[in-house]
Amino acid sequence: MDVDSITLFAIVLMAIVTYATRAGGLWLASRLDLSERAEAFLDHIPGAILISLVAPVVVAGGPAAWLAAAAAALVAWRTGSLLGAMVVGVACILALRSLPSVAPVLSSQFLVLG
């Protein structure tokens, strides 16, 4: 495999810029004195981003995705474990989609929305 030097240079440069922006943001945040309200706001951003990425997939995924999301939400609520919720959600969607007798019913391609 032959790697072009310009391509390699571009990848290394992009990695440096990505690291610099992340490290610079952390450095800047450590220098700022934020109010409790601003800190609470910033603490909720990762969850909001996760929801904004997952919600469209769940809505469009059909009943199998809805059931898996409900199971994951229940585990997250009862245990507080994000990892446990993700494992349960993935296991549920895999199990529901692999059942031959219910796969067509739980698949979004057979779901008719009016």
PDB file of N, CA and C in Angstrom:
ATOM      1  N   MET A   1       0.844  -1.169   0.000  1.00  0.00           N
ATOM      2  CA  MET A   1       0.000   0.000   0.000  1.00  0.00           C
ATOM      3  C   MET A   1       0.890   1.232   0.000  1.00  0.00           C
ATOM      4  N   ASP A   2       0.711   2.053  -0.989  1.00  0.00           N
ATOM      5  CA  ASP A   2       1.512   3.255  -1.139  1.00  0.00           C
ATOM      6  C   ASP A   2       0.732   4.451  -0.594  1.00  0.00           C
ATOM      7  N   VAL A   3       1.334   5.184   0.330  1.00  0.00           N
ATOM      8  CA  VAL A   3       0.677   6.338   0.930  1.00  0.00           C
ATOM      9  C   VAL A   3       1.313   7.601   0.359  1.00  0.00           C
ATOM     10  N   ASP A   4       0.480   8.436  -0.190  1.00  0.00           N
ATOM     11  CA  ASP A   4       0.932   9.703  -0.745  1.00  0.00           C
ATOM     12  C   ASP A   4       1.366  10.619   0.400  1.00  0.00           C
ATOM     13  N   SER A   5       2.483  11.300   0.248  1.00  0.00           N
ATOM     14  CA  SER A   5       3.002  12.153   1.318  1.00  0.00           C
ATOM     15  C   SER A   5       2.074  13.330   1.610  1.00  0.00           C
ATOM     16  N   ILE A   6       1.398  13.842   0.620  1.00  0.00           N
ATOM     17  CA  ILE A   6       0.463  14.957   0.838  1.00  0.00           C
ATOM     18  C   ILE A   6      -0.733  14.470   1.662  1.00  0.00           C
ATOM     19  N   THR A   7      -1.212  13.283   1.362  1.00  0.00           N
ATOM     20  CA  THR A   7      -2.330  12.717   2.122  1.00  0.00           C
ATOM     21  C   THR A   7      -1.920  12.488   3.568  1.00  0.00           C
ATOM     22  N   LEU A   8      -0.759  11.912   3.777  1.00  0.00           N
ATOM     23  CA  LEU A   8      -0.263  11.680   5.129  1.00  0.00           C
ATOM     24  C   LEU A   8      -0.088  12.996   5.871  1.00  0.00           C
ATOM     25  N   PHE A   9       0.465  14.004   5.203  1.00  0.00           N
ATOM     26  CA  PHE A   9       0.631  15.323   5.814  1.00  0.00           C
ATOM     27  C   PHE A   9      -0.726  15.917   6.200  1.00  0.00           C
ATOM     28  N   ALA A  10      -1.717  15.774   5.347  1.00  0.00           N
ATOM     29  CA  ALA A  10      -3.055  16.306   5.633  1.00  0.00           C
ATOM     30  C   ALA A  10      -3.668  15.608   6.840  1.00  0.00           C
ATOM     31  N   ILE A  11      -3.510  14.290   6.935  1.00  0.00           N
ATOM     32  CA  ILE A  11      -4.061  13.549   8.074  1.00  0.00           C
ATOM     33  C   ILE A  11      -3.394  13.972   9.370  1.00  0.00           C
ATOM     34  N   VAL A  12      -2.071  14.087   9.353  1.00  0.00           N
ATOM     35  CA  VAL A  12      -1.342  14.503  10.551  1.00  0.00           C
ATOM     36  C   VAL A  12      -1.719  15.927  10.940  1.00  0.00           C
ATOM     37  N   LEU A  13      -1.844  16.806   9.973  1.00  0.00           N
ATOM     38  CA  LEU A  13      -2.228  18.185  10.256  1.00  0.00           C
ATOM     39  C   LEU A  13      -3.636  18.260  10.835  1.00  0.00           C
ATOM     40  N   MET A  14      -4.558  17.486  10.285  1.00  0.00           N
ATOM     41  CA  MET A  14      -5.920  17.478  10.827  1.00  0.00           C
ATOM     42  C   MET A  14      -5.942  16.935  12.253  1.00  0.00           C
ATOM     43  N   ALA A  15      -5.126  15.929  12.539  1.00  0.00           N
ATOM     44  CA  ALA A  15      -5.053  15.383  13.895  1.00  0.00           C
ATOM     45  C   ALA A  15      -4.521  16.426  14.864  1.00  0.00           C
ATOM     46  N   ILE A  16      -3.510  17.175  14.448  1.00  0.00           N
ATOM     47  CA  ILE A  16      -2.936  18.226  15.302  1.00  0.00           C
ATOM     48  C   ILE A  16      -3.965  19.319  15.563  1.00  0.00           C
ATOM     49  N   VAL A  17      -4.674  19.742  14.532  1.00  0.00           N
ATOM     50  CA  VAL A  17      -5.685  20.789  14.698  1.00  0.00           C
ATOM     51  C   VAL A  17      -6.819  20.307  15.605  1.00  0.00           C
ATOM     52  N   THR A  18      -7.249  19.061  15.435  1.00  0.00           N
ATOM     53  CA  THR A  18      -8.305  18.511  16.284  1.00  0.00           C
ATOM     54  C   THR A  18      -7.856  18.476  17.738  1.00  0.00           C
ATOM     55  N   TYR A  19      -6.658  17.991  17.980  1.00  0.00           N
ATOM     56  CA  TYR A  19      -6.145  17.952  19.343  1.00  0.00           C
ATOM     57  C   TYR A  19      -6.017  19.363  19.921  1.00  0.00           C
ATOM     58  N   ALA A  20      -5.528  20.292  19.126  1.00  0.00           N
ATOM     59  CA  ALA A  20      -5.340  21.667  19.605  1.00  0.00           C
ATOM     60  C   ALA A  20      -6.668  22.314  19.992  1.00  0.00           C
ATOM     61  N   THR A  21      -7.709  22.098  19.197  1.00  0.00           N
ATOM     62  CA  THR A  21      -8.996  22.704  19.536  1.00  0.00           C
ATOM     63  C   THR A  21      -9.580  22.086  20.805  1.00  0.00           C
ATOM     64  N   ARG A  22      -9.425  20.783  20.960  1.00  0.00           N
ATOM     65  CA  ARG A  22      -9.948  20.140  22.179  1.00  0.00           C
ATOM     66  C   ARG A  22      -9.140  20.547  23.399  1.00  0.00           C
ATOM     67  N   ALA A  23      -7.828  20.503  23.303  1.00  0.00           N
ATOM     68  CA  ALA A  23      -6.974  20.882  24.431  1.00  0.00           C
ATOM     69  C   ALA A  23      -7.136  22.365  24.743  1.00  0.00           C
ATOM     70  N   GLY A  24      -7.268  23.175  23.698  1.00  0.00           N
ATOM     71  CA  GLY A  24      -7.473  24.613  23.925  1.00  0.00           C
ATOM     72  C   GLY A  24      -8.794  24.899  24.608  1.00  0.00           C
ATOM     73  N   GLY A  25      -9.819  24.175  24.248  1.00  0.00           N
ATOM     74  CA  GLY A  25     -11.110  24.348  24.910  1.00  0.00           C
ATOM     75  C   GLY A  25     -11.053  23.964  26.373  1.00  0.00           C
ATOM     76  N   LEU A  26     -10.382  22.857  26.676  1.00  0.00           N
ATOM     77  CA  LEU A  26     -10.230  22.456  28.076  1.00  0.00           C
ATOM     78  C   LEU A  26      -9.392  23.466  28.850  1.00  0.00           C
ATOM     79  N   TRP A  27      -8.338  23.955  28.228  1.00  0.00           N
ATOM     80  CA  TRP A  27      -7.490  24.951  28.883  1.00  0.00           C
ATOM     81  C   TRP A  27      -8.289  26.219  29.156  1.00  0.00           C
ATOM     82  N   LEU A  28      -9.058  26.672  28.170  1.00  0.00           N
ATOM     83  CA  LEU A  28      -9.861  27.875  28.341  1.00  0.00           C
ATOM     84  C   LEU A  28     -10.936  27.680  29.404  1.00  0.00           C
ATOM     85  N   ALA A  29     -11.570  26.522  29.418  1.00  0.00           N
ATOM     86  CA  ALA A  29     -12.617  26.257  30.411  1.00  0.00           C
ATOM     87  C   ALA A  29     -12.044  26.233  31.824  1.00  0.00           C
ATOM     88  N   SER A  30     -10.819  25.780  31.976  1.00  0.00           N
ATOM     89  CA  SER A  30     -10.217  25.752  33.310  1.00  0.00           C
ATOM     90  C   SER A  30      -9.867  27.156  33.803  1.00  0.00           C
ATOM     91  N   ARG A  31      -9.750  28.110  32.893  1.00  0.00           N
ATOM     92  CA  ARG A  31      -9.429  29.491  33.259  1.00  0.00           C
ATOM     93  C   ARG A  31     -10.664  30.341  33.572  1.00  0.00           C
ATOM     94  N   LEU A  32     -11.840  29.869  33.153  1.00  0.00           N
ATOM     95  CA  LEU A  32     -13.067  30.636  33.357  1.00  0.00           C
ATOM     96  C   LEU A  32     -13.704  30.301  34.696  1.00  0.00           C
ATOM     97  N   ASP A  33     -14.297  31.309  35.314  1.00  0.00           N
ATOM     98  CA  ASP A  33     -15.033  31.110  36.556  1.00  0.00           C
ATOM     99  C   ASP A  33     -16.519  31.141  36.218  1.00  0.00           C
ATOM    100  N   LEU A  34     -17.107  29.957  36.094  1.00  0.00           N
ATOM    101  CA  LEU A  34     -18.498  29.849  35.671  1.00  0.00           C
ATOM    102  C   LEU A  34     -19.438  29.835  36.869  1.00  0.00           C
ATOM    103  N   SER A  35     -20.619  30.359  36.654  1.00  0.00           N
ATOM    104  CA  SER A  35     -21.640  30.300  37.693  1.00  0.00           C
ATOM    105  C   SER A  35     -22.170  28.869  37.797  1.00  0.00           C
ATOM    106  N   GLU A  36     -22.890  28.599  38.880  1.00  0.00           N
ATOM    107  CA  GLU A  36     -23.460  27.256  39.044  1.00  0.00           C
ATOM    108  C   GLU A  36     -24.452  26.950  37.933  1.00  0.00           C
ATOM    109  N   ARG A  37     -25.177  27.958  37.497  1.00  0.00           N
ATOM    110  CA  ARG A  37     -26.154  27.768  36.431  1.00  0.00           C
ATOM    111  C   ARG A  37     -25.463  27.403  35.113  1.00  0.00           C
ATOM    112  N   ALA A  38     -24.363  28.087  34.807  1.00  0.00           N
ATOM    113  CA  ALA A  38     -23.619  27.795  33.579  1.00  0.00           C
ATOM    114  C   ALA A  38     -22.996  26.408  33.644  1.00  0.00           C
ATOM    115  N   GLU A  39     -22.475  26.025  34.809  1.00  0.00           N
ATOM    116  CA  GLU A  39     -21.907  24.682  34.960  1.00  0.00           C
ATOM    117  C   GLU A  39     -22.980  23.614  34.804  1.00  0.00           C
ATOM    118  N   ALA A  40     -24.157  23.847  35.368  1.00  0.00           N
ATOM    119  CA  ALA A  40     -25.263  22.890  35.225  1.00  0.00           C
ATOM    120  C   ALA A  40     -25.662  22.764  33.761  1.00  0.00           C
ATOM    121  N   PHE A  41     -25.695  23.882  33.047  1.00  0.00           N
ATOM    122  CA  PHE A  41     -26.013  23.870  31.623  1.00  0.00           C
ATOM    123  C   PHE A  41     -24.996  23.038  30.848  1.00  0.00           C
ATOM    124  N   LEU A  42     -23.716  23.269  31.099  1.00  0.00           N
ATOM    125  CA  LEU A  42     -22.660  22.546  30.394  1.00  0.00           C
ATOM    126  C   LEU A  42     -22.647  21.060  30.751  1.00  0.00           C
ATOM    127  N   ASP A  43     -23.039  20.726  31.979  1.00  0.00           N
ATOM    128  CA  ASP A  43     -23.086  19.324  32.387  1.00  0.00           C
ATOM    129  C   ASP A  43     -24.165  18.540  31.645  1.00  0.00           C
ATOM    130  N   HIS A  44     -25.209  19.222  31.164  1.00  0.00           N
ATOM    131  CA  HIS A  44     -26.306  18.540  30.480  1.00  0.00           C
ATOM    132  C   HIS A  44     -26.116  18.445  28.963  1.00  0.00           C
ATOM    133  N   ILE A  45     -25.103  19.064  28.426  1.00  0.00           N
ATOM    134  CA  ILE A  45     -24.886  19.044  26.975  1.00  0.00           C
ATOM    135  C   ILE A  45     -24.615  17.632  26.431  1.00  0.00           C
ATOM    136  N   PRO A  46     -23.768  16.804  27.058  1.00  0.00           N
ATOM    137  CA  PRO A  46     -23.534  15.469  26.484  1.00  0.00           C
ATOM    138  C   PRO A  46     -24.810  14.634  26.365  1.00  0.00           C
ATOM    139  N   GLY A  47     -25.664  14.681  27.357  1.00  0.00           N
ATOM    140  CA  GLY A  47     -26.919  13.941  27.292  1.00  0.00           C
ATOM    141  C   GLY A  47     -27.829  14.442  26.189  1.00  0.00           C
ATOM    142  N   ALA A  48     -27.873  15.755  26.023  1.00  0.00           N
ATOM    143  CA  ALA A  48     -28.704  16.336  24.967  1.00  0.00           C
ATOM    144  C   ALA A  48     -28.194  15.947  23.586  1.00  0.00           C
ATOM    145  N   ILE A  49     -26.890  15.908  23.428  1.00  0.00           N
ATOM    146  CA  ILE A  49     -26.311  15.506  22.141  1.00  0.00           C
ATOM    147  C   ILE A  49     -26.617  14.035  21.866  1.00  0.00           C
ATOM    148  N   LEU A  50     -26.487  13.185  22.881  1.00  0.00           N
ATOM    149  CA  LEU A  50     -26.789  11.766  22.711  1.00  0.00           C
ATOM    150  C   LEU A  50     -28.249  11.565  22.311  1.00  0.00           C
ATOM    151  N   ILE A  51     -29.156  12.253  22.978  1.00  0.00           N
ATOM    152  CA  ILE A  51     -30.583  12.146  22.640  1.00  0.00           C
ATOM    153  C   ILE A  51     -30.826  12.621  21.214  1.00  0.00           C
ATOM    154  N   SER A  52     -30.187  13.718  20.814  1.00  0.00           N
ATOM    155  CA  SER A  52     -30.422  14.244  19.466  1.00  0.00           C
ATOM    156  C   SER A  52     -29.902  13.306  18.383  1.00  0.00           C
ATOM    157  N   LEU A  53     -28.925  12.473  18.704  1.00  0.00           N
ATOM    158  CA  LEU A  53     -28.420  11.498  17.741  1.00  0.00           C
ATOM    159  C   LEU A  53     -29.249  10.217  17.725  1.00  0.00           C
ATOM    160  N   VAL A  54     -29.744   9.797  18.881  1.00  0.00           N
ATOM    161  CA  VAL A  54     -30.452   8.531  18.990  1.00  0.00           C
ATOM    162  C   VAL A  54     -31.929   8.661  18.635  1.00  0.00           C
ATOM    163  N   ALA A  55     -32.582   9.749  19.003  1.00  0.00           N
ATOM    164  CA  ALA A  55     -34.032   9.886  18.829  1.00  0.00           C
ATOM    165  C   ALA A  55     -34.501   9.705  17.382  1.00  0.00           C
ATOM    166  N   PRO A  56     -33.881  10.321  16.385  1.00  0.00           N
ATOM    167  CA  PRO A  56     -34.360  10.106  15.011  1.00  0.00           C
ATOM    168  C   PRO A  56     -34.255   8.651  14.556  1.00  0.00           C
ATOM    169  N   VAL A  57     -33.223   7.958  14.991  1.00  0.00           N
ATOM    170  CA  VAL A  57     -33.052   6.553  14.621  1.00  0.00           C
ATOM    171  C   VAL A  57     -34.149   5.705  15.266  1.00  0.00           C
ATOM    172  N   VAL A  58     -34.466   6.003  16.517  1.00  0.00           N
ATOM    173  CA  VAL A  58     -35.504   5.246  17.220  1.00  0.00           C
ATOM    174  C   VAL A  58     -36.864   5.508  16.590  1.00  0.00           C
ATOM    175  N   VAL A  59     -37.168   6.768  16.301  1.00  0.00           N
ATOM    176  CA  VAL A  59     -38.465   7.112  15.712  1.00  0.00           C
ATOM    177  C   VAL A  59     -38.646   6.439  14.356  1.00  0.00           C
ATOM    178  N   ALA A  60     -37.607   6.425  13.557  1.00  0.00           N
ATOM    179  CA  ALA A  60     -37.694   5.833  12.225  1.00  0.00           C
ATOM    180  C   ALA A  60     -37.500   4.320  12.237  1.00  0.00           C
ATOM    181  N   GLY A  61     -37.073   3.764  13.361  1.00  0.00           N
ATOM    182  CA  GLY A  61     -36.714   2.354  13.412  1.00  0.00           C
ATOM    183  C   GLY A  61     -37.864   1.384  13.522  1.00  0.00           C
ATOM    184  N   GLY A  62     -39.056   1.844  13.810  1.00  0.00           N
ATOM    185  CA  GLY A  62     -40.195   0.948  13.909  1.00  0.00           C
ATOM    186  C   GLY A  62     -40.347   0.346  15.290  1.00  0.00           C
ATOM    187  N   PRO A  63     -41.293  -0.562  15.430  1.00  0.00           N
ATOM    188  CA  PRO A  63     -41.611  -1.133  16.747  1.00  0.00           C
ATOM    189  C   PRO A  63     -40.447  -1.845  17.434  1.00  0.00           C
ATOM    190  N   ALA A  64     -39.575  -2.516  16.693  1.00  0.00           N
ATOM    191  CA  ALA A  64     -38.424  -3.183  17.320  1.00  0.00           C
ATOM    192  C   ALA A  64     -37.522  -2.159  17.992  1.00  0.00           C
ATOM    193  N   ALA A  65     -37.275  -1.061  17.319  1.00  0.00           N
ATOM    194  CA  ALA A  65     -36.447  -0.003  17.900  1.00  0.00           C
ATOM    195  C   ALA A  65     -37.152   0.654  19.075  1.00  0.00           C
ATOM    196  N   TRP A  66     -38.457   0.801  18.982  1.00  0.00           N
ATOM    197  CA  TRP A  66     -39.212   1.411  20.086  1.00  0.00           C
ATOM    198  C   TRP A  66     -39.146   0.551  21.338  1.00  0.00           C
ATOM    199  N   LEU A  67     -39.313  -0.762  21.165  1.00  0.00           N
ATOM    200  CA  LEU A  67     -39.238  -1.665  22.315  1.00  0.00           C
ATOM    201  C   LEU A  67     -37.832  -1.707  22.901  1.00  0.00           C
ATOM    202  N   ALA A  68     -36.828  -1.721  22.050  1.00  0.00           N
ATOM    203  CA  ALA A  68     -35.445  -1.730  22.532  1.00  0.00           C
ATOM    204  C   ALA A  68     -35.118  -0.429  23.261  1.00  0.00           C
ATOM    205  N   ALA A  69     -35.598   0.693  22.745  1.00  0.00           N
ATOM    206  CA  ALA A  69     -35.360   1.979  23.403  1.00  0.00           C
ATOM    207  C   ALA A  69     -36.070   2.036  24.746  1.00  0.00           C
ATOM    208  N   ALA A  70     -37.283   1.489  24.809  1.00  0.00           N
ATOM    209  CA  ALA A  70     -38.011   1.464  26.080  1.00  0.00           C
ATOM    210  C   ALA A  70     -37.281   0.601  27.105  1.00  0.00           C
ATOM    211  N   ALA A  71     -36.762  -0.542  26.672  1.00  0.00           N
ATOM    212  CA  ALA A  71     -36.014  -1.411  27.585  1.00  0.00           C
ATOM    213  C   ALA A  71     -34.739  -0.724  28.059  1.00  0.00           C
ATOM    214  N   ALA A  72     -34.044  -0.054  27.151  1.00  0.00           N
ATOM    215  CA  ALA A  72     -32.817   0.657  27.526  1.00  0.00           C
ATOM    216  C   ALA A  72     -33.125   1.797  28.480  1.00  0.00           C
ATOM    217  N   ALA A  73     -34.215   2.525  28.232  1.00  0.00           N
ATOM    218  CA  ALA A  73     -34.599   3.627  29.117  1.00  0.00           C
ATOM    219  C   ALA A  73     -34.958   3.112  30.503  1.00  0.00           C
ATOM    220  N   LEU A  74     -35.633   1.982  30.561  1.00  0.00           N
ATOM    221  CA  LEU A  74     -35.997   1.396  31.848  1.00  0.00           C
ATOM    222  C   LEU A  74     -34.753   0.987  32.638  1.00  0.00           C
ATOM    223  N   VAL A  75     -33.807   0.358  31.962  1.00  0.00           N
ATOM    224  CA  VAL A  75     -32.567  -0.035  32.636  1.00  0.00           C
ATOM    225  C   VAL A  75     -31.791   1.201  33.101  1.00  0.00           C
ATOM    226  N   ALA A  76     -31.731   2.225  32.263  1.00  0.00           N
ATOM    227  CA  ALA A  76     -31.020   3.450  32.648  1.00  0.00           C
ATOM    228  C   ALA A  76     -31.679   4.104  33.854  1.00  0.00           C
ATOM    229  N   TRP A  77     -32.994   4.116  33.864  1.00  0.00           N
ATOM    230  CA  TRP A  77     -33.727   4.748  34.960  1.00  0.00           C
ATOM    231  C   TRP A  77     -33.566   3.962  36.264  1.00  0.00           C
ATOM    232  N   ARG A  78     -33.654   2.618  36.180  1.00  0.00           N
ATOM    233  CA  ARG A  78     -33.609   1.801  37.391  1.00  0.00           C
ATOM    234  C   ARG A  78     -32.197   1.638  37.943  1.00  0.00           C
ATOM    235  N   THR A  79     -31.194   1.566  37.064  1.00  0.00           N
ATOM    236  CA  THR A  79     -29.835   1.294  37.530  1.00  0.00           C
ATOM    237  C   THR A  79     -28.920   2.510  37.475  1.00  0.00           C
ATOM    238  N   GLY A  80     -29.233   3.456  36.598  1.00  0.00           N
ATOM    239  CA  GLY A  80     -28.348   4.605  36.414  1.00  0.00           C
ATOM    240  C   GLY A  80     -27.097   4.266  35.620  1.00  0.00           C
ATOM    241  N   SER A  81     -27.066   3.100  34.998  1.00  0.00           N
ATOM    242  CA  SER A  81     -25.889   2.651  34.262  1.00  0.00           C
ATOM    243  C   SER A  81     -26.089   2.877  32.762  1.00  0.00           C
ATOM    244  N   LEU A  82     -25.291   3.756  32.197  1.00  0.00           N
ATOM    245  CA  LEU A  82     -25.346   4.005  30.759  1.00  0.00           C
ATOM    246  C   LEU A  82     -24.880   2.778  29.978  1.00  0.00           C
ATOM    247  N   LEU A  83     -23.821   2.152  30.460  1.00  0.00           N
ATOM    248  CA  LEU A  83     -23.310   0.955  29.791  1.00  0.00           C
ATOM    249  C   LEU A  83     -24.350  -0.166  29.817  1.00  0.00           C
ATOM    250  N   GLY A  84     -24.981  -0.373  30.951  1.00  0.00           N
ATOM    251  CA  GLY A  84     -26.015  -1.403  31.054  1.00  0.00           C
ATOM    252  C   GLY A  84     -27.185  -1.123  30.130  1.00  0.00           C
ATOM    253  N   ALA A  85     -27.588   0.145  30.043  1.00  0.00           N
ATOM    254  CA  ALA A  85     -28.692   0.516  29.161  1.00  0.00           C
ATOM    255  C   ALA A  85     -28.337   0.264  27.704  1.00  0.00           C
ATOM    256  N   MET A  86     -27.107   0.584  27.316  1.00  0.00           N
ATOM    257  CA  MET A  86     -26.694   0.356  25.936  1.00  0.00           C
ATOM    258  C   MET A  86     -26.642  -1.133  25.615  1.00  0.00           C
ATOM    259  N   VAL A  87     -26.138  -1.936  26.534  1.00  0.00           N
ATOM    260  CA  VAL A  87     -26.064  -3.384  26.315  1.00  0.00           C
ATOM    261  C   VAL A  87     -27.469  -3.964  26.170  1.00  0.00           C
ATOM    262  N   VAL A  88     -28.381  -3.557  27.050  1.00  0.00           N
ATOM    263  CA  VAL A  88     -29.757  -4.063  26.977  1.00  0.00           C
ATOM    264  C   VAL A  88     -30.425  -3.606  25.683  1.00  0.00           C
ATOM    265  N   GLY A  89     -30.236  -2.358  25.292  1.00  0.00           N
ATOM    266  CA  GLY A  89     -30.839  -1.855  24.060  1.00  0.00           C
ATOM    267  C   GLY A  89     -30.347  -2.599  22.830  1.00  0.00           C
ATOM    268  N   VAL A  90     -29.052  -2.812  22.749  1.00  0.00           N
ATOM    269  CA  VAL A  90     -28.481  -3.533  21.602  1.00  0.00           C
ATOM    270  C   VAL A  90     -28.936  -4.985  21.613  1.00  0.00           C
ATOM    271  N   ALA A  91     -28.939  -5.608  22.779  1.00  0.00           N
ATOM    272  CA  ALA A  91     -29.381  -7.006  22.869  1.00  0.00           C
ATOM    273  C   ALA A  91     -30.850  -7.136  22.462  1.00  0.00           C
ATOM    274  N   CYS A  92     -31.677  -6.203  22.896  1.00  0.00           N
ATOM    275  CA  CYS A  92     -33.098  -6.251  22.540  1.00  0.00           C
ATOM    276  C   CYS A  92     -33.303  -6.081  21.039  1.00  0.00           C
ATOM    277  N   ILE A  93     -32.648  -5.114  20.447  1.00  0.00           N
ATOM    278  CA  ILE A  93     -32.857  -4.890  19.010  1.00  0.00           C
ATOM    279  C   ILE A  93     -32.355  -6.086  18.205  1.00  0.00           C
ATOM    280  N   LEU A  94     -31.236  -6.674  18.616  1.00  0.00           N
ATOM    281  CA  LEU A  94     -30.730  -7.858  17.922  1.00  0.00           C
ATOM    282  C   LEU A  94     -31.685  -9.042  18.081  1.00  0.00           C
ATOM    283  N   ALA A  95     -32.186  -9.227  19.282  1.00  0.00           N
ATOM    284  CA  ALA A  95     -33.106 -10.344  19.526  1.00  0.00           C
ATOM    285  C   ALA A  95     -34.415 -10.153  18.763  1.00  0.00           C
ATOM    286  N   LEU A  96     -34.973  -8.950  18.805  1.00  0.00           N
ATOM    287  CA  LEU A  96     -36.245  -8.708  18.135  1.00  0.00           C
ATOM    288  C   LEU A  96     -36.127  -8.814  16.616  1.00  0.00           C
ATOM    289  N   ARG A  97     -35.017  -8.356  16.074  1.00  0.00           N
ATOM    290  CA  ARG A  97     -34.844  -8.423  14.621  1.00  0.00           C
ATOM    291  C   ARG A  97     -34.460  -9.822  14.137  1.00  0.00           C
ATOM    292  N   SER A  98     -33.999 -10.674  15.036  1.00  0.00           N
ATOM    293  CA  SER A  98     -33.606 -12.019  14.613  1.00  0.00           C
ATOM    294  C   SER A  98     -34.744 -13.023  14.720  1.00  0.00           C
ATOM    295  N   LEU A  99     -35.827 -12.685  15.364  1.00  0.00           N
ATOM    296  CA  LEU A  99     -36.961 -13.602  15.470  1.00  0.00           C
ATOM    297  C   LEU A  99     -37.678 -13.671  14.134  1.00  0.00           C
ATOM    298  N   PRO A 100     -37.673 -14.842  13.495  1.00  0.00           N
ATOM    299  CA  PRO A 100     -38.256 -14.921  12.143  1.00  0.00           C
ATOM    300  C   PRO A 100     -39.761 -14.707  12.121  1.00  0.00           C
ATOM    301  N   SER A 101     -40.474 -15.108  13.173  1.00  0.00           N
ATOM    302  CA  SER A 101     -41.926 -14.990  13.140  1.00  0.00           C
ATOM    303  C   SER A 101     -42.408 -13.568  13.381  1.00  0.00           C
ATOM    304  N   VAL A 102     -41.630 -12.773  14.091  1.00  0.00           N
ATOM    305  CA  VAL A 102     -42.059 -11.408  14.362  1.00  0.00           C
ATOM    306  C   VAL A 102     -41.222 -10.356  13.664  1.00  0.00           C
ATOM    307  N   ALA A 103     -40.172 -10.766  12.987  1.00  0.00           N
ATOM    308  CA  ALA A 103     -39.310  -9.790  12.323  1.00  0.00           C
ATOM    309  C   ALA A 103     -40.066  -8.920  11.325  1.00  0.00           C
ATOM    310  N   PRO A 104     -40.948  -9.476  10.468  1.00  0.00           N
ATOM    311  CA  PRO A 104     -41.673  -8.598   9.545  1.00  0.00           C
ATOM    312  C   PRO A 104     -42.618  -7.629  10.258  1.00  0.00           C
ATOM    313  N   VAL A 105     -43.197  -8.064  11.372  1.00  0.00           N
ATOM    314  CA  VAL A 105     -44.104  -7.203  12.118  1.00  0.00           C
ATOM    315  C   VAL A 105     -43.347  -6.078  12.794  1.00  0.00           C
ATOM    316  N   LEU A 106     -42.147  -6.369  13.294  1.00  0.00           N
ATOM    317  CA  LEU A 106     -41.372  -5.395  14.041  1.00  0.00           C
ATOM    318  C   LEU A 106     -40.404  -4.612  13.167  1.00  0.00           C
ATOM    319  N   SER A 107     -40.440  -4.804  11.888  1.00  0.00           N
ATOM    320  CA  SER A 107     -39.549  -4.097  10.984  1.00  0.00           C
ATOM    321  C   SER A 107     -40.225  -2.829  10.477  1.00  0.00           C
ATOM    322  N   SER A 108     -39.460  -1.767  10.353  1.00  0.00           N
ATOM    323  CA  SER A 108     -40.034  -0.487   9.920  1.00  0.00           C
ATOM    324  C   SER A 108     -40.478  -0.525   8.457  1.00  0.00           C
ATOM    325  N   GLN A 109     -39.949  -1.445   7.657  1.00  0.00           N
ATOM    326  CA  GLN A 109     -40.319  -1.474   6.253  1.00  0.00           C
ATOM    327  C   GLN A 109     -41.747  -1.968   6.050  1.00  0.00           C
ATOM    328  N   PHE A 110     -42.312  -2.656   7.055  1.00  0.00           N
ATOM    329  CA  PHE A 110     -43.677  -3.120   6.940  1.00  0.00           C
ATOM    330  C   PHE A 110     -44.655  -2.257   7.729  1.00  0.00           C
ATOM    331  N   LEU A 111     -44.142  -1.233   8.364  1.00  0.00           N
ATOM    332  CA  LEU A 111     -44.965  -0.343   9.162  1.00  0.00           C
ATOM    333  C   LEU A 111     -45.564   0.728   8.271  1.00  0.00           C
ATOM    334  N   VAL A 112     -46.866   0.854   8.294  1.00  0.00           N
ATOM    335  CA  VAL A 112     -47.533   1.851   7.453  1.00  0.00           C
ATOM    336  C   VAL A 112     -47.973   2.995   8.354  1.00  0.00           C
ATOM    337  N   LEU A 113     -47.455   4.162   8.081  1.00  0.00           N
ATOM    338  CA  LEU A 113     -47.840   5.340   8.844  1.00  0.00           C
ATOM    339  C   LEU A 113     -48.803   6.170   8.014  1.00  0.00           C
ATOM    340  N   GLY A 114     -49.902   6.562   8.600  1.00  0.00           N
ATOM    341  CA  GLY A 114     -50.900   7.330   7.862  1.00  0.00           C
ATOM    342  C   GLY A 114     -50.772   8.718   8.153  1.00  0.00           C
TER     343      GLY A 114
END
